[in-house]
C-alpha atoms as a PDB file:
ATOM      1  CA  MET A   1     -26.462   4.469   8.898  1.00  0.00           C
ATOM      2  CA  ALA A   2     -23.795   6.315   7.030  1.00  0.00           C
ATOM      3  CA  ASP A   3     -20.202   5.094   7.030  1.00  0.00           C
ATOM      4  CA  TRP A   4     -19.043   7.925   9.259  1.00  0.00           C
ATOM      5  CA  GLU A   5     -21.739   7.056  11.827  1.00  0.00           C
ATOM      6  CA  ILE A   6     -20.591   3.451  11.963  1.00  0.00           C
ATOM      7  CA  TRP A   7     -16.987   4.540  12.454  1.00  0.00           C
ATOM      8  CA  ALA A   8     -18.044   7.025  15.123  1.00  0.00           C
ATOM      9  CA  VAL A   9     -19.908   4.303  17.025  1.00  0.00           C
ATOM     10  CA  ILE A  10     -16.883   1.988  16.758  1.00  0.00           C
ATOM     11  CA  GLY A  11     -14.618   4.766  18.034  1.00  0.00           C
ATOM     12  CA  VAL A  12     -16.884   5.639  20.973  1.00  0.00           C
ATOM     13  CA  LEU A  13     -17.225   1.972  21.949  1.00  0.00           C
ATOM     14  CA  ALA A  14     -13.456   1.456  21.736  1.00  0.00           C
ATOM     15  CA  LEU A  15     -12.853   4.534  23.870  1.00  0.00           C
ATOM     16  CA  SER A  16     -15.418   3.507  26.479  1.00  0.00           C
ATOM     17  CA  THR A  17     -13.945  -0.004  26.622  1.00  0.00           C
ATOM     18  CA  ALA A  18     -10.439   1.368  27.075  1.00  0.00           C
ATOM     19  CA  ILE A  19     -11.567   3.758  29.819  1.00  0.00           C
ATOM     20  CA  THR A  20     -13.512   1.160  31.794  1.00  0.00           C
ATOM     21  CA  ARG A  21     -10.778  -1.460  31.550  1.00  0.00           C
ATOM     22  CA  SER A  22      -7.917   0.875  32.435  1.00  0.00           C
ATOM     23  CA  GLY A  23      -9.737   2.837  35.135  1.00  0.00           C
ATOM     24  CA  PHE A  24      -8.501   0.701  38.017  1.00  0.00           C
ATOM     25  CA  TRP A  25      -5.020   0.589  36.539  1.00  0.00           C
ATOM     26  CA  LEU A  26      -4.869   4.379  36.287  1.00  0.00           C
ATOM     27  CA  ILE A  27      -6.326   5.249  39.706  1.00  0.00           C
ATOM     28  CA  GLY A  28      -5.925   1.942  41.529  1.00  0.00           C
ATOM     29  CA  HIS A  29      -3.058   3.057  43.736  1.00  0.00           C
ATOM     30  CA  LYS A  30      -5.028   6.130  44.860  1.00  0.00           C
ATOM     31  CA  VAL A  31      -8.099   4.197  45.992  1.00  0.00           C
ATOM     32  CA  SER A  32      -8.001   1.720  48.855  1.00  0.00           C
ATOM     33  CA  ILE A  33     -10.683  -0.898  49.308  1.00  0.00           C
ATOM     34  CA  PRO A  34     -11.610  -1.675  52.923  1.00  0.00           C
ATOM     35  CA  PRO A  35     -10.621  -5.174  54.106  1.00  0.00           C
ATOM     36  CA  HIS A  36     -14.226  -6.306  54.671  1.00  0.00           C
ATOM     37  CA  VAL A  37     -15.101  -5.368  51.073  1.00  0.00           C
ATOM     38  CA  GLN A  38     -12.048  -7.288  49.835  1.00  0.00           C
ATOM     39  CA  ASP A  39     -13.242 -10.298  51.811  1.00  0.00           C
ATOM     40  CA  MET A  40     -16.681 -10.044  50.216  1.00  0.00           C
ATOM     41  CA  LEU A  41     -15.205  -9.701  46.720  1.00  0.00           C
ATOM     42  CA  ARG A  42     -13.521 -13.095  47.095  1.00  0.00           C
ATOM     43  CA  TYR A  43     -16.967 -14.678  46.713  1.00  0.00           C
ATOM     44  CA  ALA A  44     -18.021 -12.675  43.641  1.00  0.00           C
ATOM     45  CA  PRO A  45     -16.808 -15.195  41.007  1.00  0.00           C
ATOM     46  CA  ALA A  46     -18.571 -18.092  42.740  1.00  0.00           C
ATOM     47  CA  CYS A  47     -21.779 -16.060  43.038  1.00  0.00           C
ATOM     48  CA  ALA A  48     -21.641 -15.051  39.383  1.00  0.00           C
ATOM     49  CA  LEU A  49     -21.069 -18.656  38.326  1.00  0.00           C
ATOM     50  CA  ALA A  50     -23.976 -19.838  40.480  1.00  0.00           C
ATOM     51  CA  ALA A  51     -26.211 -17.125  39.010  1.00  0.00           C
ATOM     52  CA  ILE A  52     -25.392 -18.307  35.505  1.00  0.00           C
ATOM     53  CA  ILE A  53     -25.495 -22.069  36.057  1.00  0.00           C
ATOM     54  CA  GLY A  54     -28.274 -22.335  38.664  1.00  0.00           C
ATOM     55  CA  PRO A  55     -31.198 -21.258  36.487  1.00  0.00           C
ATOM     56  CA  ASP A  56     -29.986 -23.430  33.624  1.00  0.00           C
ATOM     57  CA  LEU A  57     -29.942 -26.504  35.868  1.00  0.00           C
ATOM     58  CA  LEU A  58     -33.230 -25.840  37.644  1.00  0.00           C
ATOM     59  CA  LEU A  59     -35.535 -24.262  35.045  1.00  0.00           C
ATOM     60  CA  ASP A  60     -37.046 -25.822  31.949  1.00  0.00           C
ATOM     61  CA  SER A  61     -37.573 -24.011  28.647  1.00  0.00           C
ATOM     62  CA  GLY A  62     -40.865 -22.541  29.899  1.00  0.00           C
ATOM     63  CA  GLY A  63     -39.254 -21.002  32.984  1.00  0.00           C
ATOM     64  CA  ASN A  64     -40.823 -23.493  35.398  1.00  0.00           C
ATOM     65  CA  VAL A  65     -38.804 -25.177  38.140  1.00  0.00           C
ATOM     66  CA  HIS A  66     -37.968 -28.732  37.047  1.00  0.00           C
ATOM     67  CA  LEU A  67     -36.775 -30.715  40.099  1.00  0.00           C
ATOM     68  CA  GLU A  68     -37.500 -34.206  38.804  1.00  0.00           C
ATOM     69  CA  LEU A  69     -35.393 -37.219  37.883  1.00  0.00           C
ATOM     70  CA  GLY A  70     -36.218 -36.516  34.246  1.00  0.00           C
ATOM     71  CA  ASN A  71     -34.022 -33.386  34.271  1.00  0.00           C
ATOM     72  CA  PRO A  72     -30.668 -34.467  32.804  1.00  0.00           C
ATOM     73  CA  LYS A  73     -29.096 -31.046  33.421  1.00  0.00           C
ATOM     74  CA  LEU A  74     -29.805 -31.216  37.137  1.00  0.00           C
ATOM     75  CA  LEU A  75     -28.610 -34.815  37.427  1.00  0.00           C
ATOM     76  CA  GLY A  76     -25.456 -34.013  35.447  1.00  0.00           C
ATOM     77  CA  GLY A  77     -24.799 -31.026  37.717  1.00  0.00           C
ATOM     78  CA  ILE A  78     -25.234 -33.141  40.844  1.00  0.00           C
ATOM     79  CA  ALA A  79     -22.914 -35.795  39.391  1.00  0.00           C
ATOM     80  CA  ALA A  80     -20.312 -33.120  38.574  1.00  0.00           C
ATOM     81  CA  LEU A  81     -20.583 -31.671  42.084  1.00  0.00           C
ATOM     82  CA  GLY A  82     -20.071 -35.108  43.607  1.00  0.00           C
ATOM     83  CA  PHE A  83     -17.097 -35.744  41.331  1.00  0.00           C
ATOM     84  CA  TYR A  84     -15.537 -32.410  42.269  1.00  0.00           C
ATOM     85  CA  LEU A  85     -15.957 -33.078  45.990  1.00  0.00           C
ATOM     86  CA  TRP A  86     -14.258 -36.437  45.456  1.00  0.00           C
ATOM     87  CA  ARG A  87     -11.371 -35.410  43.146  1.00  0.00           C
ATOM     88  CA  ARG A  88     -10.958 -31.610  43.612  1.00  0.00           C
ATOM     89  CA  ASN A  89      -9.895 -31.165  39.976  1.00  0.00           C
ATOM     90  CA  MET A  90     -11.805 -28.582  37.936  1.00  0.00           C
ATOM     91  CA  LEU A  91     -10.870 -29.785  34.442  1.00  0.00           C
ATOM     92  CA  GLN A  92     -11.759 -33.395  35.242  1.00  0.00           C
ATOM     93  CA  THR A  93     -15.015 -32.175  36.800  1.00  0.00           C
ATOM     94  CA  ILE A  94     -15.992 -30.308  33.642  1.00  0.00           C
ATOM     95  CA  VAL A  95     -15.259 -33.344  31.466  1.00  0.00           C
ATOM     96  CA  PHE A  96     -17.049 -35.708  33.862  1.00  0.00           C
ATOM     97  CA  GLY A  97     -20.075 -33.422  34.172  1.00  0.00           C
ATOM     98  CA  MET A  98     -20.423 -33.061  30.417  1.00  0.00           C
ATOM     99  CA  LEU A  99     -20.055 -36.825  29.920  1.00  0.00           C
ATOM    100  CA  ALA A 100     -22.658 -37.495  32.609  1.00  0.00           C
ATOM    101  CA  PHE A 101     -25.045 -34.944  31.096  1.00  0.00           C
ATOM    102  CA  THR A 102     -24.566 -36.329  27.580  1.00  0.00           C
ATOM    103  CA  LEU A 103     -25.090 -39.902  28.745  1.00  0.00           C
ATOM    104  CA  LEU A 104     -28.219 -38.965  30.700  1.00  0.00           C
ATOM    105  CA  ARG A 105     -29.595 -36.999  27.773  1.00  0.00           C
ATOM    106  CA  LEU A 106     -28.956 -39.852  25.340  1.00  0.00           C
ATOM    107  CA  LEU A 107     -30.529 -42.378  27.726  1.00  0.00           C
ATOM    108  CA  HIS A 108     -33.550 -40.105  28.044  1.00  0.00           C
ATOM    109  CA  VAL A 109     -33.889 -39.878  24.249  1.00  0.00           C
ATOM    110  CA  PHE A 110     -33.549 -43.628  23.779  1.00  0.00           C
ATOM    111  CA  GLN A 111     -36.016 -44.395  26.575  1.00  0.00           C
ATOM    112  CA  GLY A 112     -38.555 -42.066  24.977  1.00  0.00           C
ATOM    113  CA  ALA A 113     -38.152 -43.823  21.622  1.00  0.00           C
ATOM    114  CA  ALA A 114     -38.671 -47.341  23.050  1.00  0.00           C
END
């Protein structure tokens, strides 16, 4: 690619980013979202998070469902869920879940070496 083509692509991408991010700000007061749609949108972040985390916890590297006690990701996720239900603190849950996952993974490695 020539230099001008690279700069043109950068310019078009910057313009498209600016348009998509400012679209609701520019026309937001002219468009009203129905209340039932607003109620549904409250669940969008949780659904997106579940769609990202769920497959990582449940699938192995081959894409097969791995629902066994040898899955440290799943056990760490269950431990983090239990901790969150107990404490209701997101930052502590993240730290606890990562510590549980790391401990389970290290125990799995050391058990395989013995």
